[in-house]
């Protein structure tokens, strides 16, 4: 995988967001974040879509979402996976076994898939924006 970085910083009414990508295998098509409430908690939810730009299927795409303060300091981070591979982020699951057994649906060349990640309000210091970074895109085979 080649190394390239794409950065976009756009101010919004409340938050700024950015996207950093490593390699040309994956493109972050879009993403958005907002505060939501559910199950008795308040959380900042980031959802988006990514696209496999390579010429081969991807087993998974691992992403990191950083909550960033106004001064640019990262105050919290969370790692997540594309929708079909979200189970790899569950600590109680043996992700390596699932991968070895081929139980994770691959992302075909040219296909898009969703991703999501959240920050709990009570566990996250105040922040003004977030950055989405592609950490790893593992090709099949």
N, C-alpha and C. Protein backbone atom coordinates (compact mmCIF):
# COMPACT_ATOMS: atom_id res chain seq x y z
N UNK A 1 0.84 -1.16 0.00
CA UNK A 1 0.00 0.00 0.00
C UNK A 1 0.89 1.23 0.00
N UNK A 2 0.64 2.17 -0.87
CA UNK A 2 1.42 3.40 -0.91
C UNK A 2 0.96 4.33 0.19
N UNK A 3 1.79 5.28 0.54
CA UNK A 3 1.44 6.19 1.63
C UNK A 3 1.13 7.56 1.05
N UNK A 4 -0.04 8.06 1.38
CA UNK A 4 -0.46 9.39 0.96
C UNK A 4 -1.33 9.95 2.06
N UNK A 5 -1.42 11.24 2.15
CA UNK A 5 -2.23 11.85 3.19
C UNK A 5 -3.12 12.91 2.57
N UNK A 6 -4.39 12.85 2.90
CA UNK A 6 -5.34 13.85 2.44
C UNK A 6 -5.92 14.49 3.68
N UNK A 7 -5.92 15.79 3.74
CA UNK A 7 -6.45 16.47 4.91
C UNK A 7 -7.43 17.54 4.48
N UNK A 8 -8.53 17.62 5.17
CA UNK A 8 -9.56 18.59 4.87
C UNK A 8 -10.06 19.14 6.19
N UNK A 9 -10.07 20.44 6.35
CA UNK A 9 -10.55 21.04 7.58
C UNK A 9 -11.56 22.10 7.20
N UNK A 10 -12.81 21.86 7.57
CA UNK A 10 -13.88 22.79 7.27
C UNK A 10 -14.58 23.21 8.55
N UNK A 11 -14.69 24.50 8.82
CA UNK A 11 -15.40 24.92 10.03
C UNK A 11 -16.90 24.72 9.86
N UNK A 12 -17.53 24.22 10.90
CA UNK A 12 -18.97 24.10 10.95
C UNK A 12 -19.48 25.02 12.05
N UNK A 13 -20.77 25.11 12.21
CA UNK A 13 -21.33 25.99 13.22
C UNK A 13 -20.76 25.67 14.60
N UNK A 14 -20.66 24.39 14.95
CA UNK A 14 -20.19 24.02 16.27
C UNK A 14 -18.85 23.31 16.20
N UNK A 15 -18.67 22.47 15.21
CA UNK A 15 -17.48 21.63 15.15
C UNK A 15 -16.76 21.75 13.82
N UNK A 16 -15.47 21.41 13.87
CA UNK A 16 -14.70 21.28 12.64
C UNK A 16 -14.38 19.80 12.49
N UNK A 17 -14.18 19.35 11.27
CA UNK A 17 -13.84 17.95 11.07
C UNK A 17 -12.75 17.86 10.02
N UNK A 18 -12.08 16.74 10.00
CA UNK A 18 -11.03 16.52 9.01
C UNK A 18 -10.96 15.04 8.68
N UNK A 19 -10.25 14.75 7.64
CA UNK A 19 -10.05 13.37 7.19
C UNK A 19 -8.60 13.22 6.78
N UNK A 20 -7.95 12.18 7.30
CA UNK A 20 -6.59 11.85 6.88
C UNK A 20 -6.61 10.44 6.34
N UNK A 21 -5.99 10.24 5.23
CA UNK A 21 -5.98 8.92 4.61
C UNK A 21 -4.56 8.48 4.36
N UNK A 22 -4.31 7.20 4.58
CA UNK A 22 -3.02 6.61 4.26
C UNK A 22 -3.22 5.65 3.11
N UNK A 23 -2.52 5.89 2.05
CA UNK A 23 -2.61 4.99 0.92
C UNK A 23 -3.77 5.34 0.00
N UNK A 24 -3.68 4.81 -1.19
CA UNK A 24 -4.71 5.09 -2.19
C UNK A 24 -5.76 3.99 -2.24
N UNK A 25 -5.66 2.98 -1.37
CA UNK A 25 -6.60 1.86 -1.39
C UNK A 25 -7.99 2.23 -0.92
N UNK A 26 -8.10 3.24 -0.04
CA UNK A 26 -9.38 3.59 0.56
C UNK A 26 -9.60 5.10 0.46
N UNK A 27 -10.81 5.46 0.08
CA UNK A 27 -11.20 6.86 0.06
C UNK A 27 -12.33 7.05 1.08
N UNK A 28 -12.21 8.04 1.94
CA UNK A 28 -13.32 8.40 2.81
C UNK A 28 -14.25 9.26 1.95
N UNK A 29 -15.43 8.72 1.66
CA UNK A 29 -16.36 9.39 0.76
C UNK A 29 -17.04 10.55 1.47
N UNK A 30 -17.53 10.31 2.67
CA UNK A 30 -18.13 11.37 3.47
C UNK A 30 -18.22 10.93 4.92
N UNK A 31 -18.42 11.89 5.81
CA UNK A 31 -18.62 11.60 7.22
C UNK A 31 -19.23 12.82 7.89
N UNK A 32 -19.91 12.58 9.00
CA UNK A 32 -20.53 13.66 9.76
C UNK A 32 -20.63 13.21 11.21
N UNK A 33 -20.59 14.17 12.11
CA UNK A 33 -20.71 13.87 13.53
C UNK A 33 -21.74 14.76 14.19
N UNK A 34 -22.40 14.20 15.22
CA UNK A 34 -23.36 15.00 15.99
C UNK A 34 -23.59 14.36 17.35
N UNK A 35 -24.01 15.19 18.30
CA UNK A 35 -24.36 14.72 19.63
C UNK A 35 -25.72 14.04 19.57
N UNK A 36 -25.81 12.88 20.21
CA UNK A 36 -27.06 12.12 20.27
C UNK A 36 -27.25 11.60 21.68
N UNK A 37 -28.47 11.17 21.98
CA UNK A 37 -28.78 10.57 23.27
C UNK A 37 -29.45 9.23 23.05
N UNK A 38 -29.16 8.30 23.92
CA UNK A 38 -29.79 6.99 23.84
C UNK A 38 -29.33 6.11 24.97
N UNK A 39 -30.17 5.22 25.39
CA UNK A 39 -29.84 4.28 26.45
C UNK A 39 -29.35 4.98 27.72
N UNK A 40 -29.87 6.17 27.98
CA UNK A 40 -29.51 6.91 29.18
C UNK A 40 -28.18 7.62 29.11
N UNK A 41 -27.56 7.69 27.94
CA UNK A 41 -26.26 8.33 27.78
C UNK A 41 -26.31 9.36 26.65
N UNK A 42 -25.38 10.31 26.74
CA UNK A 42 -25.18 11.27 25.66
C UNK A 42 -23.85 10.92 25.01
N UNK A 43 -23.82 10.88 23.67
CA UNK A 43 -22.59 10.51 22.97
C UNK A 43 -22.49 11.29 21.67
N UNK A 44 -21.24 11.48 21.23
CA UNK A 44 -20.97 12.11 19.95
C UNK A 44 -20.74 10.98 18.95
N UNK A 45 -21.58 10.90 17.95
CA UNK A 45 -21.56 9.81 17.00
C UNK A 45 -21.04 10.31 15.65
N UNK A 46 -20.00 9.66 15.13
CA UNK A 46 -19.46 9.97 13.81
C UNK A 46 -19.82 8.81 12.89
N UNK A 47 -20.48 9.12 11.78
CA UNK A 47 -20.83 8.10 10.79
C UNK A 47 -20.33 8.55 9.43
N UNK A 48 -19.98 7.58 8.59
CA UNK A 48 -19.49 7.95 7.27
C UNK A 48 -19.48 6.76 6.34
N UNK A 49 -18.94 7.00 5.15
CA UNK A 49 -18.81 5.96 4.13
C UNK A 49 -17.39 5.99 3.59
N UNK A 50 -16.89 4.81 3.28
CA UNK A 50 -15.58 4.69 2.66
C UNK A 50 -15.72 3.88 1.39
N UNK A 51 -14.72 3.99 0.52
CA UNK A 51 -14.76 3.29 -0.76
C UNK A 51 -13.44 2.56 -0.98
N UNK A 52 -13.54 1.31 -1.41
CA UNK A 52 -12.37 0.52 -1.79
C UNK A 52 -11.95 0.96 -3.19
N UNK A 53 -10.83 1.66 -3.27
CA UNK A 53 -10.32 2.15 -4.56
C UNK A 53 -9.26 1.24 -5.15
N UNK A 54 -8.98 0.14 -4.48
CA UNK A 54 -7.95 -0.77 -4.98
C UNK A 54 -8.55 -1.71 -6.03
N UNK A 55 -7.70 -2.54 -6.61
CA UNK A 55 -8.17 -3.49 -7.62
C UNK A 55 -8.40 -4.88 -7.03
N UNK A 56 -8.43 -4.97 -5.71
CA UNK A 56 -8.67 -6.27 -5.04
C UNK A 56 -9.57 -6.07 -3.82
N UNK A 57 -10.24 -7.13 -3.39
CA UNK A 57 -11.11 -7.01 -2.21
C UNK A 57 -10.30 -6.66 -0.95
N UNK A 58 -10.93 -5.94 -0.05
CA UNK A 58 -10.33 -5.63 1.25
C UNK A 58 -11.03 -6.43 2.32
N UNK A 59 -10.26 -7.06 3.21
CA UNK A 59 -10.83 -7.84 4.30
C UNK A 59 -11.46 -6.90 5.32
N UNK A 60 -10.76 -5.81 5.63
CA UNK A 60 -11.31 -4.81 6.55
C UNK A 60 -10.58 -3.50 6.37
N UNK A 61 -11.22 -2.43 6.86
CA UNK A 61 -10.58 -1.12 6.95
C UNK A 61 -10.69 -0.70 8.41
N UNK A 62 -9.55 -0.41 9.01
CA UNK A 62 -9.51 0.06 10.39
C UNK A 62 -9.32 1.58 10.37
N UNK A 63 -10.13 2.27 11.17
CA UNK A 63 -10.08 3.72 11.22
C UNK A 63 -9.88 4.19 12.66
N UNK A 64 -9.32 5.37 12.81
CA UNK A 64 -9.22 6.03 14.11
C UNK A 64 -9.94 7.37 14.01
N UNK A 65 -10.74 7.65 15.01
CA UNK A 65 -11.41 8.94 15.09
C UNK A 65 -10.86 9.65 16.32
N UNK A 66 -10.26 10.83 16.09
CA UNK A 66 -9.69 11.63 17.17
C UNK A 66 -10.58 12.83 17.45
N UNK A 67 -10.93 13.04 18.72
CA UNK A 67 -11.62 14.25 19.14
C UNK A 67 -10.54 15.30 19.38
N UNK A 68 -10.70 16.49 18.78
CA UNK A 68 -9.65 17.50 18.78
C UNK A 68 -10.16 18.79 19.41
N UNK A 69 -9.35 19.34 20.32
CA UNK A 69 -9.66 20.61 20.96
C UNK A 69 -9.35 21.76 20.00
N UNK A 70 -9.80 22.95 20.36
CA UNK A 70 -9.61 24.13 19.52
C UNK A 70 -8.14 24.39 19.20
N UNK A 71 -7.24 24.06 20.16
CA UNK A 71 -5.81 24.28 19.95
C UNK A 71 -5.15 23.18 19.11
N UNK A 72 -5.94 22.22 18.62
CA UNK A 72 -5.41 21.15 17.79
C UNK A 72 -4.98 19.91 18.55
N UNK A 73 -5.06 19.95 19.87
CA UNK A 73 -4.65 18.81 20.70
C UNK A 73 -5.72 17.72 20.66
N UNK A 74 -5.28 16.48 20.48
CA UNK A 74 -6.20 15.34 20.52
C UNK A 74 -6.53 15.05 21.98
N UNK A 75 -7.82 15.07 22.32
CA UNK A 75 -8.25 14.86 23.71
C UNK A 75 -8.85 13.47 23.94
N UNK A 76 -9.20 12.77 22.86
CA UNK A 76 -9.74 11.41 22.96
C UNK A 76 -9.66 10.75 21.59
N UNK A 77 -9.54 9.43 21.59
CA UNK A 77 -9.48 8.67 20.35
C UNK A 77 -10.28 7.39 20.49
N UNK A 78 -10.81 6.92 19.37
CA UNK A 78 -11.47 5.63 19.32
C UNK A 78 -11.12 4.99 17.99
N UNK A 79 -10.98 3.67 18.01
CA UNK A 79 -10.73 2.95 16.77
C UNK A 79 -11.97 2.16 16.40
N UNK A 80 -12.21 2.05 15.10
CA UNK A 80 -13.39 1.37 14.60
C UNK A 80 -13.05 0.70 13.28
N UNK A 81 -13.99 -0.07 12.76
CA UNK A 81 -13.82 -0.78 11.51
C UNK A 81 -14.99 -0.48 10.59
N UNK A 82 -14.84 -0.82 9.33
CA UNK A 82 -15.97 -0.74 8.41
C UNK A 82 -17.11 -1.62 8.94
N UNK A 83 -18.31 -1.34 8.48
CA UNK A 83 -19.51 -1.98 9.03
C UNK A 83 -19.44 -3.51 9.04
N UNK A 84 -18.99 -4.14 7.97
CA UNK A 84 -18.95 -5.60 7.92
C UNK A 84 -17.92 -6.21 8.86
N UNK A 85 -16.96 -5.40 9.30
CA UNK A 85 -15.89 -5.90 10.17
C UNK A 85 -15.95 -5.32 11.58
N UNK A 86 -17.06 -4.67 11.94
CA UNK A 86 -17.17 -4.05 13.27
C UNK A 86 -16.89 -5.04 14.39
N UNK A 87 -17.21 -6.30 14.21
CA UNK A 87 -16.99 -7.31 15.24
C UNK A 87 -15.52 -7.39 15.65
N UNK A 88 -14.60 -6.99 14.77
CA UNK A 88 -13.18 -7.02 15.10
C UNK A 88 -12.82 -6.06 16.22
N UNK A 89 -13.67 -5.08 16.48
CA UNK A 89 -13.45 -4.12 17.56
C UNK A 89 -14.04 -4.54 18.89
N UNK A 90 -14.66 -5.72 18.95
CA UNK A 90 -15.28 -6.20 20.18
C UNK A 90 -14.25 -7.02 20.95
N UNK A 91 -13.87 -6.57 22.16
CA UNK A 91 -12.80 -7.25 22.91
C UNK A 91 -13.08 -8.72 23.22
N UNK A 92 -14.33 -9.08 23.41
CA UNK A 92 -14.67 -10.46 23.78
C UNK A 92 -14.66 -11.43 22.60
N UNK A 93 -14.44 -10.92 21.41
CA UNK A 93 -14.48 -11.74 20.20
C UNK A 93 -13.06 -12.01 19.72
N UNK A 94 -12.79 -13.23 19.29
CA UNK A 94 -11.49 -13.58 18.72
C UNK A 94 -11.49 -13.20 17.24
N UNK A 95 -11.12 -11.95 16.97
CA UNK A 95 -11.13 -11.44 15.61
C UNK A 95 -10.19 -12.18 14.69
N UNK A 96 -9.03 -12.59 15.21
CA UNK A 96 -8.07 -13.32 14.38
C UNK A 96 -8.66 -14.65 13.89
N UNK A 97 -9.44 -15.29 14.75
CA UNK A 97 -10.08 -16.55 14.37
C UNK A 97 -11.12 -16.31 13.27
N UNK A 98 -11.91 -15.25 13.44
CA UNK A 98 -12.91 -14.93 12.42
C UNK A 98 -12.25 -14.63 11.07
N UNK A 99 -11.14 -13.90 11.12
CA UNK A 99 -10.41 -13.60 9.89
C UNK A 99 -9.87 -14.88 9.25
N UNK A 100 -9.27 -15.75 10.07
CA UNK A 100 -8.71 -17.00 9.57
C UNK A 100 -9.78 -17.90 8.95
N UNK A 101 -10.99 -17.84 9.50
CA UNK A 101 -12.09 -18.66 9.00
C UNK A 101 -12.83 -18.02 7.82
N UNK A 102 -12.42 -16.81 7.46
CA UNK A 102 -13.06 -16.11 6.34
C UNK A 102 -14.48 -15.66 6.64
N UNK A 103 -14.77 -15.37 7.90
CA UNK A 103 -16.14 -15.02 8.29
C UNK A 103 -16.43 -13.52 8.24
N UNK A 104 -15.47 -12.73 7.78
CA UNK A 104 -15.69 -11.30 7.63
C UNK A 104 -15.94 -11.03 6.14
N UNK A 105 -17.07 -10.40 5.83
CA UNK A 105 -17.42 -10.08 4.44
C UNK A 105 -16.43 -9.05 3.90
N UNK A 106 -15.84 -9.33 2.75
CA UNK A 106 -14.88 -8.41 2.17
C UNK A 106 -15.58 -7.25 1.45
N UNK A 107 -14.80 -6.20 1.20
CA UNK A 107 -15.29 -5.05 0.45
C UNK A 107 -14.74 -5.19 -0.98
N UNK A 108 -15.58 -5.45 -1.95
CA UNK A 108 -15.11 -5.63 -3.33
C UNK A 108 -14.49 -4.34 -3.90
N UNK A 109 -13.65 -4.46 -4.91
CA UNK A 109 -13.10 -3.26 -5.56
C UNK A 109 -14.23 -2.35 -6.04
N UNK A 110 -14.09 -1.06 -5.75
CA UNK A 110 -15.09 -0.08 -6.16
C UNK A 110 -16.29 0.04 -5.26
N UNK A 111 -16.42 -0.87 -4.29
CA UNK A 111 -17.60 -0.86 -3.41
C UNK A 111 -17.43 0.14 -2.26
N UNK A 112 -18.56 0.60 -1.75
CA UNK A 112 -18.58 1.49 -0.59
C UNK A 112 -19.13 0.74 0.61
N UNK A 113 -18.72 1.18 1.79
CA UNK A 113 -19.24 0.60 3.03
C UNK A 113 -19.27 1.69 4.09
N UNK A 114 -20.19 1.55 5.03
CA UNK A 114 -20.33 2.53 6.12
C UNK A 114 -19.36 2.23 7.25
N UNK A 115 -19.14 3.24 8.10
CA UNK A 115 -18.40 3.08 9.35
C UNK A 115 -19.01 4.02 10.38
N UNK A 116 -18.72 3.75 11.65
CA UNK A 116 -19.20 4.62 12.72
C UNK A 116 -18.30 4.49 13.94
N UNK A 117 -18.30 5.52 14.74
CA UNK A 117 -17.55 5.52 15.99
C UNK A 117 -18.14 6.58 16.91
N UNK A 118 -18.00 6.38 18.22
CA UNK A 118 -18.65 7.27 19.18
C UNK A 118 -17.74 7.63 20.34
N UNK A 119 -18.04 8.77 20.96
CA UNK A 119 -17.40 9.21 22.19
C UNK A 119 -18.50 9.46 23.22
N UNK A 120 -18.40 8.83 24.39
CA UNK A 120 -19.36 9.09 25.46
C UNK A 120 -19.06 10.44 26.09
N UNK A 121 -20.09 11.23 26.30
CA UNK A 121 -19.94 12.58 26.86
C UNK A 121 -19.21 12.56 28.20
N UNK A 122 -19.61 11.64 29.09
CA UNK A 122 -19.02 11.63 30.44
C UNK A 122 -17.58 11.14 30.47
N UNK A 123 -17.11 10.54 29.38
CA UNK A 123 -15.73 10.02 29.33
C UNK A 123 -14.82 10.86 28.43
N UNK A 124 -15.36 11.90 27.82
CA UNK A 124 -14.59 12.67 26.83
C UNK A 124 -14.47 14.13 27.25
N UNK A 125 -13.23 14.65 27.33
CA UNK A 125 -13.06 16.08 27.61
C UNK A 125 -13.71 16.91 26.50
N UNK A 126 -14.00 18.18 26.75
CA UNK A 126 -14.58 19.03 25.71
C UNK A 126 -13.70 19.06 24.46
N UNK A 127 -14.34 19.07 23.29
CA UNK A 127 -13.60 19.14 22.04
C UNK A 127 -14.37 19.97 21.03
N UNK A 128 -13.67 20.41 19.99
CA UNK A 128 -14.25 21.31 18.99
C UNK A 128 -14.37 20.70 17.60
N UNK A 129 -13.84 19.50 17.42
CA UNK A 129 -13.89 18.87 16.11
C UNK A 129 -13.37 17.46 16.20
N UNK A 130 -13.25 16.83 15.07
CA UNK A 130 -12.73 15.47 15.04
C UNK A 130 -11.98 15.23 13.73
N UNK A 131 -11.14 14.21 13.74
CA UNK A 131 -10.36 13.82 12.57
C UNK A 131 -10.56 12.32 12.36
N UNK A 132 -10.84 11.91 11.14
CA UNK A 132 -10.96 10.50 10.78
C UNK A 132 -9.70 10.12 10.01
N UNK A 133 -9.04 9.04 10.46
CA UNK A 133 -7.81 8.59 9.81
C UNK A 133 -7.95 7.11 9.45
N UNK A 134 -7.60 6.76 8.23
CA UNK A 134 -7.53 5.36 7.83
C UNK A 134 -6.22 4.82 8.41
N UNK A 135 -6.32 3.83 9.30
CA UNK A 135 -5.16 3.26 9.96
C UNK A 135 -4.61 2.08 9.17
N UNK A 136 -5.52 1.23 8.67
CA UNK A 136 -5.09 0.03 7.94
C UNK A 136 -6.20 -0.40 6.98
N UNK A 137 -5.80 -0.83 5.81
CA UNK A 137 -6.72 -1.45 4.84
C UNK A 137 -6.07 -2.76 4.44
N UNK A 138 -6.63 -3.88 4.92
CA UNK A 138 -6.01 -5.18 4.67
C UNK A 138 -6.62 -5.83 3.43
N UNK A 139 -5.78 -6.06 2.41
CA UNK A 139 -6.26 -6.74 1.21
C UNK A 139 -6.52 -8.22 1.46
N UNK A 140 -7.47 -8.78 0.75
CA UNK A 140 -7.77 -10.21 0.85
C UNK A 140 -6.64 -11.01 0.20
N UNK A 141 -6.45 -12.21 0.72
CA UNK A 141 -5.48 -13.13 0.13
C UNK A 141 -4.14 -12.84 0.57
